[in-house]
Amino acid sequence: MTQKPVSEMSFEEAMRELEQVVARLEGGDAPLEESIALYERGAQLRKRCEDKLREAELKVAQITEGPEGVSAQPVDLE
């Protein structure tokens, strides 16, 4: 099975696979070489999730900024 490149994954896809990687590593039954490969993939997935979250935070900040900077108005989410 070919793995999708991490750089093409959505946040949700990367998080889902990261959870699978962590579960496999925590299971402790993977051979050493596979564990190393899983750890490397997990590190890439973690970075992808962090990058996507950072992008989302920047977009939210841009949306909430007005002409005078960040809006001091509370956001009513109800």
PDB file of N, CA and C in Angstrom:
ATOM      1  N   MET A   1       0.834  -1.185   0.000  1.00  0.00           N
ATOM      2  CA  MET A   1       0.000   0.000   0.000  1.00  0.00           C
ATOM      3  C   MET A   1       0.876   1.245   0.000  1.00  0.00           C
ATOM      4  N   THR A   2       0.594   2.176  -0.901  1.00  0.00           N
ATOM      5  CA  THR A   2       1.364   3.402  -1.007  1.00  0.00           C
ATOM      6  C   THR A   2       0.782   4.441  -0.066  1.00  0.00           C
ATOM      7  N   GLN A   3       1.654   5.054   0.720  1.00  0.00           N
ATOM      8  CA  GLN A   3       1.214   6.096   1.641  1.00  0.00           C
ATOM      9  C   GLN A   3       1.099   7.417   0.897  1.00  0.00           C
ATOM     10  N   LYS A   4       0.062   8.172   1.247  1.00  0.00           N
ATOM     11  CA  LYS A   4      -0.121   9.507   0.675  1.00  0.00           C
ATOM     12  C   LYS A   4       0.991  10.405   1.215  1.00  0.00           C
ATOM     13  N   PRO A   5       1.581  11.244   0.366  1.00  0.00           N
ATOM     14  CA  PRO A   5       2.603  12.164   0.863  1.00  0.00           C
ATOM     15  C   PRO A   5       2.017  13.068   1.957  1.00  0.00           C
ATOM     16  N   VAL A   6       2.760  13.238   3.021  1.00  0.00           N
ATOM     17  CA  VAL A   6       2.305  14.052   4.149  1.00  0.00           C
ATOM     18  C   VAL A   6       1.984  15.465   3.692  1.00  0.00           C
ATOM     19  N   SER A   7       2.744  15.989   2.755  1.00  0.00           N
ATOM     20  CA  SER A   7       2.550  17.362   2.285  1.00  0.00           C
ATOM     21  C   SER A   7       1.216  17.559   1.573  1.00  0.00           C
ATOM     22  N   GLU A   8       0.556  16.487   1.186  1.00  0.00           N
ATOM     23  CA  GLU A   8      -0.733  16.574   0.500  1.00  0.00           C
ATOM     24  C   GLU A   8      -1.916  16.308   1.429  1.00  0.00           C
ATOM     25  N   MET A   9      -1.635  16.027   2.691  1.00  0.00           N
ATOM     26  CA  MET A   9      -2.694  15.653   3.628  1.00  0.00           C
ATOM     27  C   MET A   9      -3.377  16.862   4.239  1.00  0.00           C
ATOM     28  N   SER A  10      -4.669  16.710   4.472  1.00  0.00           N
ATOM     29  CA  SER A  10      -5.397  17.713   5.245  1.00  0.00           C
ATOM     30  C   SER A  10      -5.021  17.520   6.713  1.00  0.00           C
ATOM     31  N   PHE A  11      -5.409  18.480   7.540  1.00  0.00           N
ATOM     32  CA  PHE A  11      -5.161  18.356   8.973  1.00  0.00           C
ATOM     33  C   PHE A  11      -5.794  17.076   9.507  1.00  0.00           C
ATOM     34  N   GLU A  12      -7.036  16.822   9.109  1.00  0.00           N
ATOM     35  CA  GLU A  12      -7.771  15.665   9.615  1.00  0.00           C
ATOM     36  C   GLU A  12      -7.126  14.347   9.198  1.00  0.00           C
ATOM     37  N   GLU A  13      -6.668  14.273   7.956  1.00  0.00           N
ATOM     38  CA  GLU A  13      -6.002  13.058   7.487  1.00  0.00           C
ATOM     39  C   GLU A  13      -4.708  12.812   8.265  1.00  0.00           C
ATOM     40  N   ALA A  14      -3.922  13.872   8.436  1.00  0.00           N
ATOM     41  CA  ALA A  14      -2.652  13.741   9.149  1.00  0.00           C
ATOM     42  C   ALA A  14      -2.883  13.356  10.606  1.00  0.00           C
ATOM     43  N   MET A  15      -3.880  13.953  11.250  1.00  0.00           N
ATOM     44  CA  MET A  15      -4.162  13.640  12.642  1.00  0.00           C
ATOM     45  C   MET A  15      -4.621  12.189  12.795  1.00  0.00           C
ATOM     46  N   ARG A  16      -5.480  11.747  11.882  1.00  0.00           N
ATOM     47  CA  ARG A  16      -5.977  10.369  11.931  1.00  0.00           C
ATOM     48  C   ARG A  16      -4.826   9.369  11.797  1.00  0.00           C
ATOM     49  N   GLU A  17      -3.945   9.613  10.830  1.00  0.00           N
ATOM     50  CA  GLU A  17      -2.812   8.694  10.649  1.00  0.00           C
ATOM     51  C   GLU A  17      -1.845   8.785  11.822  1.00  0.00           C
ATOM     52  N   LEU A  18      -1.641   9.982  12.350  1.00  0.00           N
ATOM     53  CA  LEU A  18      -0.761  10.139  13.508  1.00  0.00           C
ATOM     54  C   LEU A  18      -1.280   9.322  14.686  1.00  0.00           C
ATOM     55  N   GLU A  19      -2.577   9.329  14.900  1.00  0.00           N
ATOM     56  CA  GLU A  19      -3.175   8.530  15.978  1.00  0.00           C
ATOM     57  C   GLU A  19      -2.917   7.043  15.757  1.00  0.00           C
ATOM     58  N   GLN A  20      -2.983   6.593  14.502  1.00  0.00           N
ATOM     59  CA  GLN A  20      -2.712   5.193  14.186  1.00  0.00           C
ATOM     60  C   GLN A  20      -1.247   4.848  14.440  1.00  0.00           C
ATOM     61  N   VAL A  21      -0.358   5.756  14.067  1.00  0.00           N
ATOM     62  CA  VAL A  21       1.073   5.545  14.279  1.00  0.00           C
ATOM     63  C   VAL A  21       1.371   5.437  15.776  1.00  0.00           C
ATOM     64  N   VAL A  22       0.810   6.345  16.559  1.00  0.00           N
ATOM     65  CA  VAL A  22       1.038   6.334  18.009  1.00  0.00           C
ATOM     66  C   VAL A  22       0.521   5.026  18.611  1.00  0.00           C
ATOM     67  N   ALA A  23      -0.664   4.601  18.194  1.00  0.00           N
ATOM     68  CA  ALA A  23      -1.228   3.352  18.713  1.00  0.00           C
ATOM     69  C   ALA A  23      -0.328   2.168  18.382  1.00  0.00           C
ATOM     70  N   ARG A  24       0.192   2.152  17.164  1.00  0.00           N
ATOM     71  CA  ARG A  24       1.079   1.045  16.744  1.00  0.00           C
ATOM     72  C   ARG A  24       2.367   1.051  17.566  1.00  0.00           C
ATOM     73  N   LEU A  25       2.938   2.232  17.780  1.00  0.00           N
ATOM     74  CA  LEU A  25       4.163   2.326  18.574  1.00  0.00           C
ATOM     75  C   LEU A  25       3.912   1.957  20.028  1.00  0.00           C
ATOM     76  N   GLU A  26       2.779   2.417  20.567  1.00  0.00           N
ATOM     77  CA  GLU A  26       2.461   2.100  21.962  1.00  0.00           C
ATOM     78  C   GLU A  26       2.186   0.615  22.158  1.00  0.00           C
ATOM     79  N   GLY A  27       1.738  -0.051  21.092  1.00  0.00           N
ATOM     80  CA  GLY A  27       1.476  -1.485  21.175  1.00  0.00           C
ATOM     81  C   GLY A  27       2.744  -2.275  21.466  1.00  0.00           C
ATOM     82  N   GLY A  28       3.886  -1.753  21.026  1.00  0.00           N
ATOM     83  CA  GLY A  28       5.175  -2.372  21.329  1.00  0.00           C
ATOM     84  C   GLY A  28       5.484  -3.641  20.575  1.00  0.00           C
ATOM     85  N   ASP A  29       4.664  -4.009  19.596  1.00  0.00           N
ATOM     86  CA  ASP A  29       4.914  -5.267  18.897  1.00  0.00           C
ATOM     87  C   ASP A  29       5.549  -5.089  17.526  1.00  0.00           C
ATOM     88  N   ALA A  30       5.857  -3.853  17.152  1.00  0.00           N
ATOM     89  CA  ALA A  30       6.498  -3.605  15.860  1.00  0.00           C
ATOM     90  C   ALA A  30       7.993  -3.883  15.977  1.00  0.00           C
ATOM     91  N   PRO A  31       8.570  -4.520  14.957  1.00  0.00           N
ATOM     92  CA  PRO A  31      10.019  -4.734  14.949  1.00  0.00           C
ATOM     93  C   PRO A  31      10.758  -3.383  14.959  1.00  0.00           C
ATOM     94  N   LEU A  32      12.001  -3.399  15.363  1.00  0.00           N
ATOM     95  CA  LEU A  32      12.793  -2.186  15.518  1.00  0.00           C
ATOM     96  C   LEU A  32      12.792  -1.316  14.267  1.00  0.00           C
ATOM     97  N   GLU A  33      13.087  -1.900  13.110  1.00  0.00           N
ATOM     98  CA  GLU A  33      13.151  -1.120  11.869  1.00  0.00           C
ATOM     99  C   GLU A  33      11.799  -0.483  11.551  1.00  0.00           C
ATOM    100  N   GLU A  34      10.716  -1.212  11.758  1.00  0.00           N
ATOM    101  CA  GLU A  34       9.386  -0.665  11.513  1.00  0.00           C
ATOM    102  C   GLU A  34       9.081   0.448  12.520  1.00  0.00           C
ATOM    103  N   SER A  35       9.497   0.261  13.764  1.00  0.00           N
ATOM    104  CA  SER A  35       9.283   1.284  14.786  1.00  0.00           C
ATOM    105  C   SER A  35       9.995   2.584  14.420  1.00  0.00           C
ATOM    106  N   ILE A  36      11.200   2.469  13.895  1.00  0.00           N
ATOM    107  CA  ILE A  36      11.945   3.662  13.483  1.00  0.00           C
ATOM    108  C   ILE A  36      11.218   4.363  12.335  1.00  0.00           C
ATOM    109  N   ALA A  37      10.753   3.584  11.356  1.00  0.00           N
ATOM    110  CA  ALA A  37      10.020   4.162  10.226  1.00  0.00           C
ATOM    111  C   ALA A  37       8.719   4.812  10.703  1.00  0.00           C
ATOM    112  N   LEU A  38       8.030   4.165  11.629  1.00  0.00           N
ATOM    113  CA  LEU A  38       6.799   4.727  12.180  1.00  0.00           C
ATOM    114  C   LEU A  38       7.082   6.035  12.911  1.00  0.00           C
ATOM    115  N   TYR A  39       8.165   6.054  13.676  1.00  0.00           N
ATOM    116  CA  TYR A  39       8.525   7.263  14.422  1.00  0.00           C
ATOM    117  C   TYR A  39       8.817   8.420  13.456  1.00  0.00           C
ATOM    118  N   GLU A  40       9.551   8.123  12.378  1.00  0.00           N
ATOM    119  CA  GLU A  40       9.861   9.154  11.383  1.00  0.00           C
ATOM    120  C   GLU A  40       8.587   9.672  10.721  1.00  0.00           C
ATOM    121  N   ARG A  41       7.693   8.768  10.354  1.00  0.00           N
ATOM    122  CA  ARG A  41       6.426   9.167   9.737  1.00  0.00           C
ATOM    123  C   ARG A  41       5.602   9.992  10.737  1.00  0.00           C
ATOM    124  N   GLY A  42       5.597   9.562  11.983  1.00  0.00           N
ATOM    125  CA  GLY A  42       4.877  10.291  13.017  1.00  0.00           C
ATOM    126  C   GLY A  42       5.404  11.707  13.192  1.00  0.00           C
ATOM    127  N   ALA A  43       6.711  11.870  13.124  1.00  0.00           N
ATOM    128  CA  ALA A  43       7.306  13.205  13.247  1.00  0.00           C
ATOM    129  C   ALA A  43       6.867  14.096  12.086  1.00  0.00           C
ATOM    130  N   GLN A  44       6.813  13.538  10.876  1.00  0.00           N
ATOM    131  CA  GLN A  44       6.356  14.296   9.710  1.00  0.00           C
ATOM    132  C   GLN A  44       4.880  14.678   9.860  1.00  0.00           C
ATOM    133  N   LEU A  45       4.079  13.743  10.336  1.00  0.00           N
ATOM    134  CA  LEU A  45       2.649  13.996  10.517  1.00  0.00           C
ATOM    135  C   LEU A  45       2.411  15.058  11.589  1.00  0.00           C
ATOM    136  N   ARG A  46       3.168  14.991  12.674  1.00  0.00           N
ATOM    137  CA  ARG A  46       3.045  15.984  13.747  1.00  0.00           C
ATOM    138  C   ARG A  46       3.364  17.374  13.221  1.00  0.00           C
ATOM    139  N   LYS A  47       4.420  17.478  12.440  1.00  0.00           N
ATOM    140  CA  LYS A  47       4.799  18.776  11.861  1.00  0.00           C
ATOM    141  C   LYS A  47       3.714  19.285  10.919  1.00  0.00           C
ATOM    142  N   ARG A  48       3.137  18.399  10.124  1.00  0.00           N
ATOM    143  CA  ARG A  48       2.061  18.796   9.208  1.00  0.00           C
ATOM    144  C   ARG A  48       0.875  19.346   9.999  1.00  0.00           C
ATOM    145  N   CYS A  49       0.501  18.663  11.082  1.00  0.00           N
ATOM    146  CA  CYS A  49      -0.616  19.130  11.905  1.00  0.00           C
ATOM    147  C   CYS A  49      -0.302  20.502  12.509  1.00  0.00           C
ATOM    148  N   GLU A  50       0.899  20.670  13.023  1.00  0.00           N
ATOM    149  CA  GLU A  50       1.294  21.959  13.601  1.00  0.00           C
ATOM    150  C   GLU A  50       1.256  23.066  12.544  1.00  0.00           C
ATOM    151  N   ASP A  51       1.751  22.775  11.349  1.00  0.00           N
ATOM    152  CA  ASP A  51       1.762  23.770  10.274  1.00  0.00           C
ATOM    153  C   ASP A  51       0.343  24.155   9.867  1.00  0.00           C
ATOM    154  N   LYS A  52      -0.551  23.164   9.745  1.00  0.00           N
ATOM    155  CA  LYS A  52      -1.931  23.450   9.358  1.00  0.00           C
ATOM    156  C   LYS A  52      -2.641  24.258  10.448  1.00  0.00           C
ATOM    157  N   LEU A  53      -2.373  23.967  11.715  1.00  0.00           N
ATOM    158  CA  LEU A  53      -2.962  24.745  12.807  1.00  0.00           C
ATOM    159  C   LEU A  53      -2.448  26.180  12.788  1.00  0.00           C
ATOM    160  N   ARG A  54      -1.163  26.356  12.534  1.00  0.00           N
ATOM    161  CA  ARG A  54      -0.579  27.692  12.453  1.00  0.00           C
ATOM    162  C   ARG A  54      -1.222  28.485  11.308  1.00  0.00           C
ATOM    163  N   GLU A  55      -1.431  27.837  10.168  1.00  0.00           N
ATOM    164  CA  GLU A  55      -2.103  28.487   9.038  1.00  0.00           C
ATOM    165  C   GLU A  55      -3.510  28.932   9.438  1.00  0.00           C
ATOM    166  N   ALA A  56      -4.232  28.061  10.128  1.00  0.00           N
ATOM    167  CA  ALA A  56      -5.595  28.386  10.548  1.00  0.00           C
ATOM    168  C   ALA A  56      -5.594  29.563  11.517  1.00  0.00           C
ATOM    169  N   GLU A  57      -4.644  29.573  12.452  1.00  0.00           N
ATOM    170  CA  GLU A  57      -4.550  30.677  13.407  1.00  0.00           C
ATOM    171  C   GLU A  57      -4.286  31.997  12.692  1.00  0.00           C
ATOM    172  N   LEU A  58      -3.427  31.980  11.687  1.00  0.00           N
ATOM    173  CA  LEU A  58      -3.134  33.199  10.921  1.00  0.00           C
ATOM    174  C   LEU A  58      -4.365  33.685  10.159  1.00  0.00           C
ATOM    175  N   LYS A  59      -5.117  32.760   9.580  1.00  0.00           N
ATOM    176  CA  LYS A  59      -6.326  33.138   8.855  1.00  0.00           C
ATOM    177  C   LYS A  59      -7.341  33.770   9.800  1.00  0.00           C
ATOM    178  N   VAL A  60      -7.513  33.183  10.979  1.00  0.00           N
ATOM    179  CA  VAL A  60      -8.451  33.732  11.959  1.00  0.00           C
ATOM    180  C   VAL A  60      -7.996  35.124  12.387  1.00  0.00           C
ATOM    181  N   ALA A  61      -6.701  35.289  12.601  1.00  0.00           N
ATOM    182  CA  ALA A  61      -6.177  36.598  12.989  1.00  0.00           C
ATOM    183  C   ALA A  61      -6.432  37.627  11.893  1.00  0.00           C
ATOM    184  N   GLN A  62      -6.245  37.248  10.638  1.00  0.00           N
ATOM    185  CA  GLN A  62      -6.490  38.159   9.515  1.00  0.00           C
ATOM    186  C   GLN A  62      -7.965  38.535   9.425  1.00  0.00           C
ATOM    187  N   ILE A  63      -8.841  37.579   9.688  1.00  0.00           N
ATOM    188  CA  ILE A  63     -10.283  37.828   9.620  1.00  0.00           C
ATOM    189  C   ILE A  63     -10.712  38.798  10.712  1.00  0.00           C
ATOM    190  N   THR A  64     -10.138  38.644  11.901  1.00  0.00           N
ATOM    191  CA  THR A  64     -10.564  39.466  13.038  1.00  0.00           C
ATOM    192  C   THR A  64      -9.899  40.830  13.078  1.00  0.00           C
ATOM    193  N   GLU A  65      -8.901  41.064  12.259  1.00  0.00           N
ATOM    194  CA  GLU A  65      -8.235  42.373  12.235  1.00  0.00           C
ATOM    195  C   GLU A  65      -9.063  43.376  11.453  1.00  0.00           C
ATOM    196  N   GLY A  66      -9.202  44.537  12.036  1.00  0.00           N
ATOM    197  CA  GLY A  66      -9.875  45.637  11.348  1.00  0.00           C
ATOM    198  C   GLY A  66      -8.841  46.658  10.931  1.00  0.00           C
ATOM    199  N   PRO A  67      -9.296  47.852  10.478  1.00  0.00           N
ATOM    200  CA  PRO A  67      -8.358  48.891  10.040  1.00  0.00           C
ATOM    201  C   PRO A  67      -7.421  49.350  11.153  1.00  0.00           C
ATOM    202  N   GLU A  68      -7.856  49.272  12.400  1.00  0.00           N
ATOM    203  CA  GLU A  68      -7.019  49.701  13.532  1.00  0.00           C
ATOM    204  C   GLU A  68      -6.307  48.531  14.204  1.00  0.00           C
ATOM    205  N   GLY A  69      -6.326  47.375  13.617  1.00  0.00           N
ATOM    206  CA  GLY A  69      -5.665  46.223  14.214  1.00  0.00           C
ATOM    207  C   GLY A  69      -6.681  45.183  14.648  1.00  0.00           C
ATOM    208  N   VAL A  70      -6.311  44.396  15.616  1.00  0.00           N
ATOM    209  CA  VAL A  70      -7.165  43.309  16.076  1.00  0.00           C
ATOM    210  C   VAL A  70      -8.413  43.871  16.736  1.00  0.00           C
ATOM    211  N   SER A  71      -9.539  43.314  16.375  1.00  0.00           N
ATOM    212  CA  SER A  71     -10.819  43.755  16.918  1.00  0.00           C
ATOM    213  C   SER A  71     -10.917  43.426  18.401  1.00  0.00           C
ATOM    214  N   ALA A  72     -11.418  44.394  19.170  1.00  0.00           N
ATOM    215  CA  ALA A  72     -11.618  44.167  20.596  1.00  0.00           C
ATOM    216  C   ALA A  72     -13.025  43.691  20.867  1.00  0.00           C
ATOM    217  N   GLN A  73     -13.844  43.550  19.832  1.00  0.00           N
ATOM    218  CA  GLN A  73     -15.211  43.097  19.979  1.00  0.00           C
ATOM    219  C   GLN A  73     -15.237  41.605  20.266  1.00  0.00           C
ATOM    220  N   PRO A  74     -15.998  41.179  21.299  1.00  0.00           N
ATOM    221  CA  PRO A  74     -16.133  39.748  21.548  1.00  0.00           C
ATOM    222  C   PRO A  74     -16.929  39.089  20.426  1.00  0.00           C
ATOM    223  N   VAL A  75     -16.640  37.862  20.168  1.00  0.00           N
ATOM    224  CA  VAL A  75     -17.322  37.114  19.132  1.00  0.00           C
ATOM    225  C   VAL A  75     -18.394  36.272  19.791  1.00  0.00           C
ATOM    226  N   ASP A  76     -19.649  36.418  19.371  1.00  0.00           N
ATOM    227  CA  ASP A  76     -20.752  35.636  19.912  1.00  0.00           C
ATOM    228  C   ASP A  76     -20.912  34.383  19.054  1.00  0.00           C
ATOM    229  N   LEU A  77     -20.563  33.232  19.604  1.00  0.00           N
ATOM    230  CA  LEU A  77     -20.607  31.987  18.843  1.00  0.00           C
ATOM    231  C   LEU A  77     -21.940  31.262  18.976  1.00  0.00           C
ATOM    232  N   GLU A  78     -22.887  31.833  19.699  1.00  0.00           N
ATOM    233  CA  GLU A  78     -24.179  31.170  19.867  1.00  0.00           C
ATOM    234  C   GLU A  78     -25.163  31.608  18.832  1.00  0.00           C
TER     235      GLU A  78
END
